[in-house]
Amino acid sequence: MKRSAPWLLAAIAWAVCLPGCGKKPAAAAKPEAPFKLDHPGVESALNTITLPTEAEAHLGLKTAAIELRSMRQRRVYGGDVVLPTGASIIVAAPVGGTLQAVSQSGAPEVGSRVGRDEPVFILLPLLSVERNVLTPAERMALAQTKMTLADLQITAAGQIEQAEVALDLAKTNLTREERLFNDGGAGTRRAVDTARAALAQAEKQLEAAQQREEMLRKIELDADGGDVTPIPIVSPRDGVVRSQQATVGQIVSVGTPLFEVMDCDPLWIKVPVYAGEVHAIETNRAASIEPLGGDGAAPQMADPVPAPPTADPQAATVDLYYELPNADGALRPGQRVDVTVMLRGEQQSRVIPWSAVVHDIYGGQWVYEETAPHQYVRRRVQVPYIADNLAVLDSGPPEGANIVVEGVAELFGTEFGASH
């Protein structure tokens, strides 16, 4: 035992020293974050963020109290973009013949813009494509075509007279309904709107009849020298070719639809409204129009327009119509939009600046409430509409609560690690 003691002591010393050999120096402690989160990175949990004064100044935070104001009520409906009455015109063949192209590029394609009186087709009557001298049979057919053309011209003149009479009647009816309404008698706003819609429709019908008569008056058929004058088929208005029912080289008979031209400026916004809510809407006030989803652009204001009264009995809705300029072609017929209409009366509502509201990736709306000095809590809110850059709250913090109105995006990024 005495002889092995030195070896035992050496082994014990070696075992004690071994763990400490090659040990790395302790790493420096990480600096503490300039803010504190209760639930970092969890968007579904409400976070309480504590910031020092320096961090608040760096983020540029400013707060304001939620106010209670008397606000004009608004309501959002879904609307459809539609063509106004008379905005689409179908052009038909005035006489029978063969369609030819105006140029080597062919006829304008569907979707292309055309100007008023711009030729779309050339119509060569009686199939005289390769020769100008008419045979007796073709002369007989030409005489019949002239008779048909004369009948069409007479009919067009009669349609103009009928449209003028209908227009005069619509003007008289509108004047009477407006007088009854303004004098406080038996007149109603609905009767005035209906009379205005009838007047607008009569004006469109007269315009269409005049355009048809003008187009027929330009047609010339000369058979004395044995020649057939080609007939240019022109667009009756500025617009877009909506459809083509005929092609170059096709043989068409009198009255065959050739193409349709639509004018997309202005457009109408059709808004179906539940029949029980119409009385609460100020139908004579302009409405705010926004595309679905929003693109950051300011809403457009559309004025109410008299239109033929329409309704859907199965859905129990009636239709309101608004007119919106569309010179840039941003809106298309059939497109869905959000329509904000004005309601009658005012209501006390909680309001905050629209800059105080932040949206998460799911579309949820949030604000940051200052619950204590240097302490902020994210609160969910619901904003039914915006008026004069103020967000009206349906739910959220109470009146008087301090809300962050500047630096909200920076605070949101701080909470989720996107801001430094």
Protein backbone atom coordinates (compact mmCIF):
# COMPACT_ATOMS: atom_id res chain seq x y z
CA MET A 1 0.00 0.00 0.00
CA LYS A 2 2.79 2.42 0.80
CA ARG A 3 4.53 1.61 -2.47
CA SER A 4 1.39 2.41 -4.60
CA ALA A 5 0.46 5.63 -2.82
CA PRO A 6 2.48 7.97 -5.10
CA TRP A 7 0.82 6.48 -8.16
CA LEU A 8 -2.62 6.83 -6.66
CA LEU A 9 -2.03 10.47 -5.78
CA ALA A 10 -0.82 11.18 -9.32
CA ALA A 11 -3.92 9.56 -10.85
CA ILE A 12 -6.23 11.60 -8.65
CA ALA A 13 -4.43 14.81 -9.55
CA TRP A 14 -4.63 13.98 -13.26
CA ALA A 15 -8.42 13.30 -13.02
CA VAL A 16 -9.03 16.59 -11.24
CA CYS A 17 -7.06 18.66 -13.74
CA LEU A 18 -8.43 16.99 -16.89
CA PRO A 19 -11.84 18.81 -17.12
CA GLY A 20 -10.22 22.20 -16.85
CA CYS A 21 -7.63 21.59 -19.56
CA GLY A 22 -8.52 23.24 -22.91
CA LYS A 23 -11.61 24.96 -21.51
CA LYS A 24 -12.69 27.96 -23.65
CA PRO A 25 -13.17 31.34 -22.03
CA ALA A 26 -16.75 32.25 -21.24
CA ALA A 27 -18.57 34.16 -24.04
CA ALA A 28 -19.45 37.77 -23.45
CA ALA A 29 -23.04 38.32 -22.34
CA LYS A 30 -25.43 39.46 -25.14
CA PRO A 31 -26.73 43.01 -24.83
CA GLU A 32 -30.31 43.25 -23.74
CA ALA A 33 -32.92 44.23 -26.38
CA PRO A 34 -34.09 47.85 -26.21
CA PHE A 35 -37.67 46.59 -25.84
CA LYS A 36 -39.56 43.80 -24.10
CA LEU A 37 -42.27 41.50 -25.57
CA ASP A 38 -44.62 39.27 -23.62
CA HIS A 39 -45.28 36.89 -26.54
CA PRO A 40 -42.58 37.54 -29.15
CA GLY A 41 -43.43 36.56 -32.72
CA VAL A 42 -46.92 35.22 -31.97
CA GLU A 43 -49.36 37.21 -34.13
CA SER A 44 -52.44 35.57 -32.66
CA ALA A 45 -51.48 36.66 -29.12
CA LEU A 46 -51.85 40.23 -27.96
CA ASN A 47 -48.43 41.58 -27.19
CA THR A 48 -47.52 44.07 -24.56
CA ILE A 49 -44.50 46.04 -25.76
CA THR A 50 -42.37 47.99 -23.32
CA LEU A 51 -40.11 50.64 -24.83
CA PRO A 52 -37.59 52.98 -23.26
CA THR A 53 -37.77 56.67 -24.02
CA GLU A 54 -34.91 56.46 -26.51
CA ALA A 55 -36.67 53.72 -28.51
CA GLU A 56 -39.91 55.71 -28.61
CA ALA A 57 -38.05 58.72 -29.98
CA HIS A 58 -36.26 56.50 -32.53
CA LEU A 59 -39.56 55.05 -33.80
CA GLY A 60 -41.21 58.48 -33.85
CA LEU A 61 -44.26 57.40 -31.84
CA LYS A 62 -47.09 59.84 -31.24
CA THR A 63 -50.40 59.13 -29.54
CA ALA A 64 -53.87 60.65 -29.56
CA ALA A 65 -57.06 59.89 -27.68
CA ILE A 66 -60.04 58.18 -29.30
CA GLU A 67 -62.69 60.84 -29.88
CA LEU A 68 -66.47 60.65 -29.97
CA ARG A 69 -67.85 62.65 -32.89
CA SER A 70 -71.15 63.11 -34.62
CA MET A 71 -70.57 61.40 -37.97
CA ARG A 72 -72.69 61.10 -41.07
CA GLN A 73 -73.52 57.41 -41.34
CA ARG A 74 -72.32 55.40 -44.32
CA ARG A 75 -72.89 51.89 -45.55
CA VAL A 76 -70.94 49.74 -48.00
CA TYR A 77 -72.68 47.71 -50.71
CA GLY A 78 -71.44 45.63 -53.59
CA GLY A 79 -71.94 47.17 -57.03
CA ASP A 80 -71.72 46.04 -60.65
CA VAL A 81 -70.20 48.08 -63.48
CA VAL A 82 -72.70 48.21 -66.35
CA LEU A 83 -73.05 50.06 -69.63
CA PRO A 84 -75.40 53.06 -69.68
CA THR A 85 -78.56 52.94 -71.75
CA GLY A 86 -77.68 53.40 -75.42
CA ALA A 87 -73.92 52.96 -74.84
CA SER A 88 -73.84 49.84 -77.05
CA ILE A 89 -74.93 49.99 -80.70
CA ILE A 90 -75.19 47.06 -83.13
CA VAL A 91 -74.50 48.01 -86.76
CA ALA A 92 -76.34 45.99 -89.41
CA ALA A 93 -75.94 45.71 -93.18
CA PRO A 94 -78.11 48.35 -94.90
CA VAL A 95 -78.27 46.26 -98.10
CA GLY A 96 -77.18 42.84 -99.22
CA GLY A 97 -73.68 42.39 -100.57
CA THR A 98 -70.14 41.21 -99.91
CA LEU A 99 -67.98 42.54 -97.08
CA GLN A 100 -64.50 43.76 -97.91
CA ALA A 101 -61.66 45.00 -95.72
CA VAL A 102 -60.93 48.70 -95.44
CA SER A 103 -57.16 48.09 -95.63
CA GLN A 104 -54.71 45.24 -95.93
CA SER A 105 -54.66 44.84 -92.16
CA GLY A 106 -58.30 43.74 -92.26
CA ALA A 107 -61.23 44.82 -90.13
CA PRO A 108 -60.67 46.14 -86.60
CA GLU A 109 -60.48 43.27 -84.13
CA VAL A 110 -62.69 42.80 -81.10
CA GLY A 111 -61.40 45.01 -78.29
CA SER A 112 -59.81 47.62 -80.56
CA ARG A 113 -60.84 51.26 -80.38
CA VAL A 114 -62.61 52.94 -83.28
CA GLY A 115 -63.59 56.54 -83.84
CA ARG A 116 -66.86 58.02 -84.93
CA ASP A 117 -67.40 57.64 -88.71
CA GLU A 118 -64.31 55.40 -88.96
CA PRO A 119 -64.86 52.69 -91.65
CA VAL A 120 -64.95 49.16 -90.27
CA PHE A 121 -66.06 47.30 -93.43
CA ILE A 122 -66.61 48.07 -97.11
CA LEU A 123 -69.85 46.61 -98.43
CA LEU A 124 -69.99 45.88 -102.15
CA PRO A 125 -73.66 45.32 -103.07
CA LEU A 126 -74.90 42.59 -105.42
CA LEU A 127 -71.69 40.52 -105.26
CA SER A 128 -70.03 42.63 -108.00
CA VAL A 129 -66.50 41.96 -106.86
CA GLU A 130 -64.63 41.42 -110.14
CA ARG A 131 -66.70 43.45 -112.62
CA ASN A 132 -68.53 46.74 -112.61
CA VAL A 133 -70.98 46.11 -115.47
CA LEU A 134 -74.32 44.78 -114.25
CA THR A 135 -76.31 42.12 -115.98
CA PRO A 136 -80.09 42.52 -116.42
CA ALA A 137 -80.66 40.18 -113.48
CA GLU A 138 -78.34 42.27 -111.34
CA ARG A 139 -80.10 45.46 -112.48
CA MET A 140 -83.38 43.92 -111.34
CA ALA A 141 -81.80 43.03 -107.99
CA LEU A 142 -80.38 46.56 -107.77
CA ALA A 143 -83.84 48.03 -108.30
CA GLN A 144 -85.17 45.83 -105.51
CA THR A 145 -82.29 46.91 -103.30
CA LYS A 146 -83.10 50.55 -104.00
CA MET A 147 -86.69 49.94 -102.99
CA THR A 148 -85.51 48.25 -99.79
CA LEU A 149 -83.16 51.14 -99.11
CA ALA A 150 -85.95 53.67 -99.66
CA ASP A 151 -88.19 51.74 -97.24
CA LEU A 152 -85.41 51.72 -94.65
CA GLN A 153 -84.88 55.46 -95.04
CA ILE A 154 -88.61 56.14 -94.68
CA THR A 155 -88.75 53.89 -91.61
CA ALA A 156 -85.75 55.68 -90.11
CA ALA A 157 -87.42 59.05 -90.62
CA GLY A 158 -90.57 57.74 -88.97
CA GLN A 159 -88.55 56.43 -86.03
CA ILE A 160 -87.04 59.89 -85.57
CA GLU A 161 -90.51 61.45 -85.49
CA GLN A 162 -91.71 58.86 -82.97
CA ALA A 163 -88.63 59.42 -80.82
CA GLU A 164 -89.17 63.20 -80.90
CA VAL A 165 -92.79 62.80 -79.82
CA ALA A 166 -91.73 60.44 -77.00
CA LEU A 167 -89.05 62.93 -75.93
CA ASP A 168 -91.55 65.81 -75.78
CA LEU A 169 -93.93 63.64 -73.75
CA ALA A 170 -91.14 62.65 -71.34
CA LYS A 171 -90.17 66.31 -70.85
CA THR A 172 -93.78 67.27 -70.15
CA ASN A 173 -94.19 64.38 -67.70
CA LEU A 174 -90.99 65.32 -65.85
CA THR A 175 -92.06 68.96 -65.57
CA ARG A 176 -95.43 67.90 -64.14
CA GLU A 177 -93.92 65.48 -61.61
CA GLU A 178 -91.34 68.04 -60.46
CA ARG A 179 -94.08 70.66 -60.00
CA LEU A 180 -96.21 68.26 -57.95
CA PHE A 181 -93.24 67.30 -55.79
CA ASN A 182 -91.98 70.85 -55.21
CA ASP A 183 -95.47 72.18 -54.42
CA GLY A 184 -95.89 69.58 -51.69
CA GLY A 185 -98.85 67.97 -53.38
CA ALA A 186 -99.30 64.37 -54.47
CA GLY A 187 -95.87 64.15 -56.09
CA THR A 188 -93.15 61.81 -54.81
CA ARG A 189 -89.39 61.58 -55.26
CA ARG A 190 -89.81 58.14 -56.84
CA ALA A 191 -92.17 59.56 -59.49
CA VAL A 192 -89.66 62.33 -60.29
CA ASP A 193 -86.81 59.82 -60.62
CA THR A 194 -88.94 57.60 -62.86
CA ALA A 195 -89.80 60.56 -65.09
CA ARG A 196 -86.12 61.51 -65.36
CA ALA A 197 -85.22 57.95 -66.30
CA ALA A 198 -87.89 57.96 -69.00
CA LEU A 199 -86.53 61.25 -70.34
CA ALA A 200 -82.97 59.90 -70.49
CA GLN A 201 -84.15 56.79 -72.31
CA ALA A 202 -86.14 58.87 -74.81
CA GLU A 203 -83.07 61.00 -75.53
CA LYS A 204 -80.98 57.87 -76.19
CA GLN A 205 -83.63 56.44 -78.52
CA LEU A 206 -83.77 59.69 -80.49
CA GLU A 207 -79.97 59.73 -80.79
CA ALA A 208 -79.91 56.13 -82.05
CA ALA A 209 -82.66 56.84 -84.59
CA GLN A 210 -80.82 59.92 -85.89
CA GLN A 211 -77.59 57.96 -86.28
CA ARG A 212 -79.37 55.21 -88.22
CA GLU A 213 -81.06 57.73 -90.50
CA GLU A 214 -77.74 59.51 -91.11
CA MET A 215 -76.02 56.25 -92.04
CA LEU A 216 -78.79 55.29 -94.49
CA ARG A 217 -78.73 58.76 -96.06
CA LYS A 218 -75.04 58.33 -96.97
CA ILE A 219 -75.72 55.21 -99.06
CA GLU A 220 -75.69 55.78 -102.80
CA LEU A 221 -76.60 53.21 -105.47
CA ASP A 222 -75.96 54.34 -109.05
CA ALA A 223 -77.26 52.06 -111.79
CA ASP A 224 -77.41 54.52 -114.68
CA GLY A 225 -73.78 53.96 -115.68
CA GLY A 226 -73.78 50.33 -114.68
CA ASP A 227 -71.67 50.98 -111.57
CA VAL A 228 -72.23 49.93 -108.00
CA THR A 229 -70.77 52.32 -105.44
CA PRO A 230 -69.03 50.53 -102.51
CA ILE A 231 -70.65 51.42 -99.20
CA PRO A 232 -68.39 52.16 -96.22
CA ILE A 233 -69.82 50.67 -93.03
CA VAL A 234 -68.64 53.12 -90.37
CA SER A 235 -68.74 53.17 -86.59
CA PRO A 236 -71.64 55.33 -85.37
CA ARG A 237 -69.65 56.52 -82.31
CA ASP A 238 -66.31 56.55 -80.54
CA GLY A 239 -65.83 53.35 -78.62
CA VAL A 240 -64.54 49.79 -78.50
CA VAL A 241 -65.51 46.95 -80.84
CA ARG A 242 -67.40 44.66 -78.48
CA SER A 243 -68.21 41.86 -80.92
CA GLN A 244 -68.18 40.97 -84.61
CA GLN A 245 -70.94 38.94 -86.21
CA ALA A 246 -69.46 38.99 -89.74
CA THR A 247 -66.04 38.66 -91.37
CA VAL A 248 -64.31 39.92 -94.50
CA GLY A 249 -65.47 38.07 -97.63
CA GLN A 250 -68.80 37.05 -96.12
CA ILE A 251 -71.99 37.48 -98.14
CA VAL A 252 -74.62 39.21 -96.02
CA SER A 253 -78.25 40.07 -96.59
CA VAL A 254 -80.00 43.29 -95.65
CA GLY A 255 -80.32 43.68 -91.85
CA THR A 256 -77.56 41.19 -90.99
CA PRO A 257 -75.74 42.28 -87.77
CA LEU A 258 -72.11 43.10 -88.60
CA PHE A 259 -70.47 44.38 -85.40
CA GLU A 260 -71.21 46.02 -82.05
CA VAL A 261 -69.56 49.16 -80.68
CA MET A 262 -69.72 50.14 -77.00
CA ASP A 263 -68.75 53.38 -75.32
CA CYS A 264 -67.15 52.79 -71.89
CA ASP A 265 -66.93 56.44 -70.84
CA PRO A 266 -68.88 57.07 -68.73
CA LEU A 267 -70.06 53.88 -67.04
CA TRP A 268 -72.92 53.19 -64.65
CA ILE A 269 -72.57 51.51 -61.26
CA LYS A 270 -75.57 49.32 -60.46
CA VAL A 271 -76.07 48.85 -56.70
CA PRO A 272 -78.62 46.26 -55.52
CA VAL A 273 -80.02 47.40 -52.15
CA TYR A 274 -82.40 45.53 -49.86
CA ALA A 275 -85.81 47.08 -50.34
CA GLY A 276 -86.24 47.66 -46.61
CA GLU A 277 -83.08 49.82 -46.48
CA VAL A 278 -83.72 52.17 -49.40
CA HIS A 279 -85.60 54.67 -47.24
CA ALA A 280 -82.49 55.11 -45.06
CA ILE A 281 -80.21 56.01 -48.01
CA GLU A 282 -79.77 59.51 -49.37
CA THR A 283 -80.28 58.51 -52.97
CA ASN A 284 -79.59 62.04 -54.24
CA ARG A 285 -76.06 62.13 -52.77
CA ALA A 286 -72.88 60.99 -54.53
CA ALA A 287 -71.41 57.58 -53.65
CA SER A 288 -67.79 56.53 -53.17
CA ILE A 289 -66.53 53.82 -55.54
CA GLU A 290 -63.52 51.57 -54.86
CA PRO A 291 -62.30 48.42 -56.66
CA LEU A 292 -62.42 45.20 -54.68
CA GLY A 293 -59.36 44.79 -52.47
CA GLY A 294 -58.33 48.41 -52.99
CA ASP A 295 -55.16 49.52 -54.75
CA GLY A 296 -54.20 52.42 -52.50
CA ALA A 297 -55.75 54.99 -54.81
CA ALA A 298 -58.30 57.50 -53.55
CA PRO A 299 -61.95 56.46 -53.99
CA GLN A 300 -63.83 57.96 -56.93
CA MET A 301 -67.06 59.85 -56.42
CA ALA A 302 -70.02 58.88 -58.61
CA ASP A 303 -73.15 60.98 -58.99
CA PRO A 304 -76.63 59.40 -58.93
CA VAL A 305 -78.16 59.10 -62.37
CA PRO A 306 -81.80 58.62 -63.40
CA ALA A 307 -82.12 55.17 -64.93
CA PRO A 308 -84.94 52.78 -65.76
CA PRO A 309 -86.25 51.41 -62.43
CA THR A 310 -85.14 47.81 -61.95
CA ALA A 311 -85.44 45.33 -59.08
CA ASP A 312 -85.00 41.65 -58.21
CA PRO A 313 -88.12 40.20 -56.53
CA GLN A 314 -86.37 36.97 -55.49
CA ALA A 315 -83.58 38.83 -53.69
CA ALA A 316 -85.97 41.56 -52.45
CA THR A 317 -83.63 44.26 -53.76
CA VAL A 318 -84.04 47.42 -55.78
CA ASP A 319 -81.28 48.94 -57.90
CA LEU A 320 -79.62 52.32 -57.49
CA TYR A 321 -77.52 53.72 -60.34
CA TYR A 322 -74.50 56.04 -60.26
CA GLU A 323 -72.49 57.47 -63.15
CA LEU A 324 -68.69 57.36 -63.08
CA PRO A 325 -66.21 58.81 -65.61
CA ASN A 326 -63.94 56.16 -67.12
CA ALA A 327 -61.67 58.00 -69.54
CA ASP A 328 -58.66 55.82 -68.62
CA GLY A 329 -60.61 52.58 -69.08
CA ALA A 330 -59.73 51.35 -65.58
CA LEU A 331 -63.21 49.90 -65.06
CA ARG A 332 -64.82 47.26 -67.25
CA PRO A 333 -68.45 46.27 -67.72
CA GLY A 334 -69.27 43.39 -65.38
CA GLN A 335 -66.61 44.32 -62.81
CA ARG A 336 -67.52 44.24 -59.11
CA VAL A 337 -66.78 47.26 -56.91
CA ASP A 338 -67.38 48.48 -53.37
CA VAL A 339 -69.92 51.31 -53.13
CA THR A 340 -70.17 53.48 -50.01
CA VAL A 341 -73.45 55.38 -49.81
CA MET A 342 -74.56 58.12 -47.43
CA LEU A 343 -77.33 57.38 -44.92
CA ARG A 344 -79.83 59.80 -43.49
CA GLY A 345 -79.04 61.32 -40.10
CA GLU A 346 -75.90 61.36 -37.96
CA GLN A 347 -74.62 59.12 -35.17
CA GLN A 348 -72.13 59.48 -32.31
CA SER A 349 -69.15 57.31 -33.26
CA ARG A 350 -65.65 56.66 -31.98
CA VAL A 351 -63.08 57.89 -34.49
CA ILE A 352 -59.31 57.76 -34.85
CA PRO A 353 -56.97 58.86 -37.64
CA TRP A 354 -56.82 56.26 -40.42
CA SER A 355 -53.01 56.28 -40.02
CA ALA A 356 -53.46 54.58 -36.61
CA VAL A 357 -54.82 51.36 -38.15
CA VAL A 358 -52.46 48.58 -39.24
CA HIS A 359 -53.40 45.39 -41.11
CA ASP A 360 -51.98 41.92 -40.58
CA ILE A 361 -51.41 39.33 -43.31
CA TYR A 362 -54.94 37.97 -42.81
CA GLY A 363 -56.61 41.36 -43.30
CA GLY A 364 -57.25 41.91 -39.58
CA GLN A 365 -57.30 45.50 -38.36
CA TRP A 366 -55.31 46.53 -35.28
CA VAL A 367 -54.31 49.58 -33.26
CA TYR A 368 -51.75 50.06 -30.50
CA GLU A 369 -53.09 51.37 -27.19
CA GLU A 370 -50.80 53.04 -24.67
CA THR A 371 -51.89 51.33 -21.43
CA ALA A 372 -49.10 52.78 -19.28
CA PRO A 373 -46.07 55.03 -19.76
CA HIS A 374 -43.79 53.39 -22.35
CA GLN A 375 -46.13 50.37 -22.59
CA TYR A 376 -48.23 49.52 -25.67
CA VAL A 377 -50.78 46.76 -26.30
CA ARG A 378 -52.05 45.71 -29.73
CA ARG A 379 -55.89 45.78 -29.87
CA ARG A 380 -58.19 44.42 -32.57
CA VAL A 381 -60.62 46.91 -34.16
CA GLN A 382 -63.28 46.88 -36.86
CA VAL A 383 -63.52 49.83 -39.26
CA PRO A 384 -66.76 49.80 -41.28
CA TYR A 385 -65.86 52.94 -43.25
CA ILE A 386 -63.51 55.92 -43.48
CA ALA A 387 -64.71 59.53 -43.57
CA ASP A 388 -62.42 62.53 -44.07
CA ASN A 389 -59.35 60.38 -43.29
CA LEU A 390 -60.94 59.30 -39.99
CA ALA A 391 -61.57 55.63 -39.26
CA VAL A 392 -64.94 54.98 -37.62
CA LEU A 393 -64.76 52.15 -35.07
CA ASP A 394 -67.42 49.48 -34.66
CA SER A 395 -65.33 47.72 -32.00
CA GLY A 396 -62.09 48.36 -30.17
CA PRO A 397 -60.79 50.44 -27.27
CA PRO A 398 -63.19 52.85 -25.54
CA GLU A 399 -63.43 56.59 -25.95
CA GLY A 400 -60.47 58.43 -24.44
CA ALA A 401 -57.97 55.58 -24.84
CA ASN A 402 -54.56 56.74 -26.08
CA ILE A 403 -53.80 55.25 -29.49
CA VAL A 404 -50.55 55.40 -31.45
CA VAL A 405 -51.24 57.52 -34.54
CA GLU A 406 -47.68 57.95 -35.89
CA GLY A 407 -45.01 55.28 -36.10
CA VAL A 408 -47.59 52.48 -36.12
CA ALA A 409 -45.89 50.52 -38.90
CA GLU A 410 -42.54 50.79 -37.10
CA LEU A 411 -44.10 49.55 -33.87
CA PHE A 412 -45.75 46.66 -35.73
CA GLY A 413 -42.38 45.76 -37.23
CA THR A 414 -40.74 45.95 -33.81
CA GLU A 415 -43.28 43.49 -32.43
CA PHE A 416 -42.66 40.92 -35.16
CA GLY A 417 -38.93 41.45 -35.64
CA ALA A 418 -39.02 43.42 -38.90
CA SER A 419 -37.77 46.69 -37.44
CA HIS A 420 -34.38 47.50 -35.90
